[in-house]
């Protein structure tokens, strides 16, 4: 089916354009996903189910905006719960520090300094917990792939919105 109902997710086995996600996650990221799933199931789902039931009791569903809206939200919530259930089963929690903490690996906080002396601090995390506003970079991101395995004081050329820039790794820490 074409149009607005076209499938957005792509199966990697059938479509080479499909994104593959690393199945790694930090313990904090896993706990956050788990609590989101639990909130949706224990709080949001019952609220929406009650609203749908109440709106359905008001009569004709075809012209009932409350029913239509809440039914749509309930379906979205159930879809999100199903996705999180599947994703949580696939994930591997990384809760041990790497043997060589002088190199950049999954879970590392990396401080980068550009040529003007400006610092950026990033943590390499799983794609399910990436959030640039909090300094959490997906391990699958092009910048992260270029950082993996690097040492303290290594100089590296990274893509930026303005092209490419040189950075020096000034700090690597794990917590």
Protein backbone atom coordinates (compact mmCIF):
# COMPACT_ATOMS: atom_id res chain seq x y z
CA UNK A 1 0.00 0.00 0.00
CA UNK A 2 1.40 3.40 -0.95
CA UNK A 3 0.69 6.84 0.40
CA UNK A 4 0.57 7.87 3.99
CA UNK A 5 0.43 4.30 5.28
CA UNK A 6 3.76 3.28 3.74
CA UNK A 7 5.83 1.23 6.16
CA UNK A 8 8.61 3.33 7.73
CA UNK A 9 10.56 0.49 9.29
CA UNK A 10 12.74 -1.48 6.92
CA UNK A 11 13.80 -5.08 7.34
CA UNK A 12 17.63 -5.26 7.02
CA UNK A 13 17.38 -8.72 5.46
CA UNK A 14 15.15 -7.44 2.67
CA UNK A 15 16.18 -3.81 2.23
CA UNK A 16 19.82 -2.64 2.11
CA UNK A 17 18.70 0.88 3.11
CA UNK A 18 17.43 -0.42 6.44
CA UNK A 19 19.08 0.99 9.52
CA UNK A 20 20.66 -1.52 11.80
CA UNK A 21 20.82 -0.68 15.47
CA UNK A 22 23.46 -1.84 17.85
CA UNK A 23 21.82 -3.87 20.60
CA UNK A 24 24.00 -2.43 23.36
CA UNK A 25 22.66 -0.22 26.13
CA UNK A 26 23.97 1.16 29.41
CA UNK A 27 22.34 0.06 32.65
CA UNK A 28 20.90 3.57 33.11
CA UNK A 29 19.47 3.54 29.59
CA UNK A 30 17.91 0.12 30.11
CA UNK A 31 16.32 1.19 33.37
CA UNK A 32 14.91 4.32 31.71
CA UNK A 33 13.40 2.29 28.83
CA UNK A 34 12.00 -0.24 31.28
CA UNK A 35 10.40 2.51 33.42
CA UNK A 36 8.92 4.12 30.28
CA UNK A 37 7.41 0.79 29.28
CA UNK A 38 6.06 0.20 32.78
CA UNK A 39 4.54 3.72 32.92
CA UNK A 40 2.82 3.20 29.58
CA UNK A 41 1.40 -0.18 30.68
CA UNK A 42 0.43 0.65 34.26
CA UNK A 43 -0.65 4.30 33.96
CA UNK A 44 -1.21 5.49 30.40
CA UNK A 45 -2.92 2.35 29.05
CA UNK A 46 -5.59 2.16 31.81
CA UNK A 47 -6.27 5.92 31.53
CA UNK A 48 -6.83 5.72 27.80
CA UNK A 49 -8.84 2.50 28.00
CA UNK A 50 -11.19 4.17 30.52
CA UNK A 51 -11.54 7.24 28.29
CA UNK A 52 -12.34 5.08 25.26
CA UNK A 53 -14.91 3.12 27.22
CA UNK A 54 -16.51 6.31 28.54
CA UNK A 55 -16.60 7.91 25.08
CA UNK A 56 -18.05 4.73 23.56
CA UNK A 57 -20.88 4.82 26.07
CA UNK A 58 -21.88 8.27 24.77
CA UNK A 59 -23.43 6.85 21.62
CA UNK A 60 -22.56 7.07 17.92
CA UNK A 61 -18.84 6.38 17.58
CA UNK A 62 -18.58 7.60 13.98
CA UNK A 63 -19.15 11.23 15.02
CA UNK A 64 -17.59 11.02 18.48
CA UNK A 65 -14.31 12.98 18.46
CA UNK A 66 -13.40 11.92 22.01
CA UNK A 67 -13.79 8.27 21.08
CA UNK A 68 -11.78 8.63 17.87
CA UNK A 69 -8.93 10.58 19.49
CA UNK A 70 -8.63 8.37 22.58
CA UNK A 71 -8.88 5.16 20.53
CA UNK A 72 -6.04 6.42 18.31
CA UNK A 73 -3.93 7.31 21.38
CA UNK A 74 -4.65 3.92 22.94
CA UNK A 75 -3.51 2.17 19.76
CA UNK A 76 -0.32 4.28 19.66
CA UNK A 77 0.37 3.45 23.29
CA UNK A 78 -0.15 -0.27 22.72
CA UNK A 79 2.15 -0.13 19.67
CA UNK A 80 4.83 1.62 21.71
CA UNK A 81 4.51 -0.96 24.50
CA UNK A 82 4.86 -3.80 21.99
CA UNK A 83 7.92 -2.14 20.44
CA UNK A 84 9.54 -1.60 23.86
CA UNK A 85 8.81 -5.21 24.89
CA UNK A 86 10.54 -6.49 21.76
CA UNK A 87 13.43 -4.03 21.99
CA UNK A 88 14.07 -4.67 25.69
CA UNK A 89 14.35 -8.42 24.92
CA UNK A 90 16.94 -7.72 22.20
CA UNK A 91 19.17 -5.40 24.21
CA UNK A 92 22.41 -6.39 25.93
CA UNK A 93 23.16 -4.32 29.02
CA UNK A 94 26.81 -3.31 29.27
CA UNK A 95 27.49 -2.83 32.96
CA UNK A 96 31.18 -3.69 33.14
CA UNK A 97 34.10 -1.39 32.49
CA UNK A 98 36.47 -2.26 29.63
CA UNK A 99 39.81 -3.81 30.52
CA UNK A 100 41.68 -0.96 28.79
CA UNK A 101 40.17 2.27 30.09
CA UNK A 102 42.76 4.39 28.31
CA UNK A 103 40.89 3.92 25.03
CA UNK A 104 37.44 5.01 23.88
CA UNK A 105 34.87 2.23 24.01
CA UNK A 106 31.13 1.91 24.60
CA UNK A 107 30.03 3.84 27.69
CA UNK A 108 33.01 6.21 27.75
CA UNK A 109 32.67 9.90 28.50
CA UNK A 110 34.98 11.60 26.01
CA UNK A 111 36.13 15.21 26.23
CA UNK A 112 37.09 16.69 22.87
CA UNK A 113 38.86 20.01 22.39
CA UNK A 114 38.73 21.82 19.05
CA UNK A 115 41.42 24.05 17.54
CA UNK A 116 39.99 27.14 19.31
CA UNK A 117 40.12 25.43 22.71
CA UNK A 118 36.35 24.82 22.95
CA UNK A 119 35.42 21.58 24.70
CA UNK A 120 32.67 19.09 23.94
CA UNK A 121 31.82 16.21 26.25
CA UNK A 122 30.06 13.14 24.85
CA UNK A 123 29.16 9.73 26.19
CA UNK A 124 29.01 6.83 23.72
CA UNK A 125 25.75 4.99 24.37
CA UNK A 126 23.29 2.72 22.58
CA UNK A 127 21.01 4.17 19.90
CA UNK A 128 17.95 3.78 22.13
CA UNK A 129 19.35 6.22 24.70
CA UNK A 130 21.10 8.75 22.45
CA UNK A 131 20.20 12.37 23.25
CA UNK A 132 22.44 15.16 21.94
CA UNK A 133 20.98 17.68 24.39
CA UNK A 134 22.39 15.56 27.25
CA UNK A 135 25.68 14.76 25.53
CA UNK A 136 24.69 11.15 24.75
CA UNK A 137 25.94 10.05 21.32
CA UNK A 138 24.80 6.83 19.66
CA UNK A 139 27.55 4.27 19.21
CA UNK A 140 26.23 3.94 15.64
CA UNK A 141 26.77 7.65 14.85
CA UNK A 142 29.54 8.41 12.32
CA UNK A 143 31.41 10.56 14.89
CA UNK A 144 31.26 7.77 17.48
CA UNK A 145 32.61 5.21 15.03
CA UNK A 146 35.59 7.50 14.38
CA UNK A 147 36.24 7.84 18.13
CA UNK A 148 36.16 4.12 18.98
CA UNK A 149 39.53 2.74 20.03
CA UNK A 150 41.25 6.14 20.18
CA UNK A 151 43.61 7.07 23.04
CA UNK A 152 44.00 10.11 25.24
CA UNK A 153 45.70 12.97 23.33
CA UNK A 154 44.88 11.44 19.93
CA UNK A 155 44.00 14.01 17.30
CA UNK A 156 41.04 13.17 15.11
CA UNK A 157 39.18 14.75 12.21
CA UNK A 158 35.42 14.67 12.79
CA UNK A 159 32.46 15.78 10.69
CA UNK A 160 30.71 18.95 11.89
CA UNK A 161 27.76 20.94 10.53
CA UNK A 162 30.31 23.26 8.87
CA UNK A 163 32.36 20.48 7.27
CA UNK A 164 35.18 18.77 9.13
CA UNK A 165 37.22 19.90 12.10
CA UNK A 166 40.16 18.61 14.09
CA UNK A 167 39.70 17.65 17.73
CA UNK A 168 42.01 16.33 20.41
CA UNK A 169 40.85 13.82 23.00
CA UNK A 170 41.67 15.48 26.31
CA UNK A 171 39.85 13.15 28.70
CA UNK A 172 38.39 9.63 28.72
CA UNK A 173 36.46 8.42 31.72
CA UNK A 174 34.12 5.59 32.59
CA UNK A 175 31.57 5.58 35.41
